[in-house]
Protein backbone atom coordinates (compact mmCIF):
# COMPACT_ATOMS: atom_id res chain seq x y z
CA UNK A 1 -4.92 12.12 50.56
CA UNK A 2 -1.31 12.69 49.29
CA UNK A 3 -0.71 8.91 49.40
CA UNK A 4 -3.77 8.20 47.25
CA UNK A 5 -2.83 10.69 44.61
CA UNK A 6 0.77 9.34 44.55
CA UNK A 7 -0.53 5.79 44.05
CA UNK A 8 -2.98 6.92 41.31
CA UNK A 9 -0.27 8.78 39.49
CA UNK A 10 2.11 5.72 39.70
CA UNK A 11 -0.64 3.41 38.42
CA UNK A 12 -1.44 5.80 35.43
CA UNK A 13 2.29 6.02 34.47
CA UNK A 14 2.67 2.28 34.84
CA UNK A 15 -0.23 1.63 32.52
CA UNK A 16 0.93 4.08 29.98
CA UNK A 17 4.42 2.64 30.05
CA UNK A 18 3.10 -0.89 29.49
CA UNK A 19 0.98 0.35 26.59
CA UNK A 20 3.92 2.14 24.92
CA UNK A 21 6.12 -1.04 25.17
CA UNK A 22 3.40 -3.28 23.81
CA UNK A 23 2.98 -1.02 20.72
CA UNK A 24 6.74 -1.41 20.04
CA UNK A 25 7.31 -5.00 21.16
CA UNK A 26 6.27 -7.05 18.07
CA UNK A 27 5.29 -6.89 14.55
CA UNK A 28 2.35 -4.77 13.58
CA UNK A 29 -0.27 -5.95 10.98
CA UNK A 30 -1.90 -4.72 7.93
CA UNK A 31 -4.61 -6.98 6.44
CA UNK A 32 -6.64 -7.28 3.27
CA UNK A 33 -9.26 -9.58 1.92
CA UNK A 34 -9.99 -10.71 -1.64
CA UNK A 35 -13.50 -12.22 -1.90
CA UNK A 36 -13.34 -13.25 -5.54
CA UNK A 37 -10.30 -12.39 -7.92
CA UNK A 38 -12.70 -11.29 -10.68
CA UNK A 39 -13.95 -8.46 -8.58
CA UNK A 40 -10.41 -6.85 -8.62
CA UNK A 41 -9.25 -7.87 -12.03
CA UNK A 42 -10.95 -6.70 -15.12
CA UNK A 43 -10.16 -7.42 -18.88
CA UNK A 44 -6.53 -6.39 -19.69
CA UNK A 45 -6.06 -5.24 -16.09
CA UNK A 46 -2.73 -4.37 -14.74
CA UNK A 47 -3.87 -5.22 -11.15
CA UNK A 48 -6.67 -4.21 -8.80
CA UNK A 49 -6.34 -2.40 -5.39
CA UNK A 50 -7.17 -4.48 -2.28
CA UNK A 51 -6.09 -2.02 0.32
CA UNK A 52 -4.20 1.21 0.97
CA UNK A 53 -2.01 2.22 3.92
CA UNK A 54 0.00 5.40 4.59
CA UNK A 55 2.24 4.94 7.68
CA UNK A 56 3.03 8.01 9.59
CA UNK A 57 6.72 6.72 10.29
CA UNK A 58 9.28 4.65 8.41
CA UNK A 59 8.50 1.02 8.36
CA UNK A 60 9.92 -2.24 7.29
CA UNK A 61 7.84 -5.04 5.80
CA UNK A 62 8.90 -8.28 7.68
CA UNK A 63 6.60 -10.87 6.32
CA UNK A 64 3.75 -11.32 3.84
CA UNK A 65 1.36 -14.39 4.17
CA UNK A 66 -1.91 -15.34 2.68
CA UNK A 67 -4.54 -18.05 3.24
CA UNK A 68 -6.96 -18.87 0.37
CA UNK A 69 -10.07 -20.96 0.51
CA UNK A 70 -9.74 -21.19 -3.16
CA UNK A 71 -6.33 -21.26 -4.53
CA UNK A 72 -5.56 -20.47 -8.16
CA UNK A 73 -7.25 -22.41 -10.95
CA UNK A 74 -8.46 -22.03 -14.51
CA UNK A 75 -12.32 -21.44 -14.28
CA UNK A 76 -14.33 -24.09 -16.01
CA UNK A 77 -11.23 -26.06 -17.33
CA UNK A 78 -11.11 -29.32 -15.19
CA UNK A 79 -8.80 -28.50 -12.42
CA UNK A 80 -6.18 -26.90 -14.69
CA UNK A 81 -3.43 -24.95 -12.75
CA UNK A 82 -2.50 -21.45 -13.68
CA UNK A 83 0.79 -20.65 -15.17
CA UNK A 84 1.78 -17.87 -14.15
CA UNK A 85 -0.24 -17.74 -10.97
CA UNK A 86 -1.75 -14.38 -9.84
CA UNK A 87 0.12 -12.44 -7.11
CA UNK A 88 -0.43 -10.05 -4.30
CA UNK A 89 1.96 -6.99 -4.27
CA UNK A 90 2.86 -4.53 -1.54
CA UNK A 91 4.30 -1.28 -3.24
CA UNK A 92 4.74 2.38 -2.94
CA UNK A 93 5.07 2.60 -6.72
CA UNK A 94 8.91 2.23 -6.40
CA UNK A 95 9.73 -0.54 -4.11
CA UNK A 96 7.68 -3.66 -4.42
CA UNK A 97 7.41 -7.17 -2.99
CA UNK A 98 5.29 -9.97 -4.63
CA UNK A 99 3.91 -13.18 -3.25
CA UNK A 100 2.29 -15.66 -5.58
CA UNK A 101 -1.18 -17.15 -4.83
CA UNK A 102 -0.51 -20.96 -5.21
CA UNK A 103 -2.69 -23.29 -7.38
CA UNK A 104 -5.29 -25.13 -5.70
CA UNK A 105 -4.03 -28.65 -4.57
CA UNK A 106 -7.08 -30.60 -5.63
CA UNK A 107 -6.44 -33.27 -2.95
CA UNK A 108 -7.20 -33.68 0.71
CA UNK A 109 -10.05 -32.64 2.85
CA UNK A 110 -10.02 -29.03 1.53
CA UNK A 111 -8.72 -29.54 -1.96
CA UNK A 112 -8.86 -25.83 -3.12
CA UNK A 113 -7.31 -24.39 0.20
CA UNK A 114 -3.84 -23.07 -0.11
CA UNK A 115 -1.46 -20.83 1.75
CA UNK A 116 1.79 -18.96 1.18
CA UNK A 117 4.43 -17.25 3.26
CA UNK A 118 7.22 -15.02 2.19
CA UNK A 119 9.32 -16.12 5.17
CA UNK A 120 11.46 -13.41 6.97
CA UNK A 121 11.94 -10.36 4.66
CA UNK A 122 13.20 -6.88 5.03
CA UNK A 123 11.55 -4.35 2.73
CA UNK A 124 11.86 -0.81 4.07
CA UNK A 125 9.45 2.09 3.25
CA UNK A 126 10.02 5.69 4.15
CA UNK A 127 7.76 7.93 6.15
CA UNK A 128 4.44 8.81 4.65
CA UNK A 129 4.90 6.23 1.82
CA UNK A 130 1.56 5.63 0.06
CA UNK A 131 1.50 1.86 0.12
CA UNK A 132 -0.89 -0.18 -1.73
CA UNK A 133 -1.80 -3.95 -1.55
CA UNK A 134 -2.65 -5.03 -5.24
CA UNK A 135 -3.89 -8.18 -6.79
CA UNK A 136 -1.88 -8.92 -9.98
CA UNK A 137 -3.30 -11.03 -12.73
CA UNK A 138 -1.96 -14.52 -13.55
CA UNK A 139 -2.85 -16.55 -16.61
CA UNK A 140 -5.98 -15.53 -18.55
CA UNK A 141 -8.94 -17.21 -16.93
CA UNK A 142 -7.21 -17.82 -13.63
CA UNK A 143 -9.55 -17.49 -10.59
CA UNK A 144 -9.63 -18.00 -6.86
CA UNK A 145 -10.94 -16.38 -3.83
CA UNK A 146 -11.69 -15.98 -0.08
CA UNK A 147 -8.14 -14.85 0.27
CA UNK A 148 -6.86 -13.30 3.53
CA UNK A 149 -3.64 -11.38 3.13
CA UNK A 150 -1.45 -10.42 6.22
CA UNK A 151 1.47 -7.88 6.00
CA UNK A 152 3.74 -7.89 9.18
CA UNK A 153 5.75 -4.69 9.63
CA UNK A 154 7.90 -2.99 12.18
CA UNK A 155 8.48 0.64 12.84
CA UNK A 156 11.96 1.70 12.09
């Protein structure tokens, strides 16, 4: 009976230990989705909120990536690229990081699909920062959509 209890306690502690290590072993993810840019950007808009996140601990943003089925383009204007392109922004109101949404390529099997990657970055935010993922407007008439945004972060 004592042996069974000892084995049970050992197994529970082992599982809890592995779970704790898994939570701190790699980057954590915060994601957002933009169905159509026009749903977030209205006339004379300073940007639209895609998602909010308030971490309970200090974090560092390590990378921002996006994949869009429809990259940036001027709506109803014969494949005209946007200048400037719209952007996604991670911010707490003071510190920010922006990643542009590239123009549609208009070639290949999926001519409107694009992706963007910040590469390795280090943008720290303090405990209980009220983080917002925003969509910032580009050139007037610029559109796009079906955009997945992934923010990789680590706990400080």
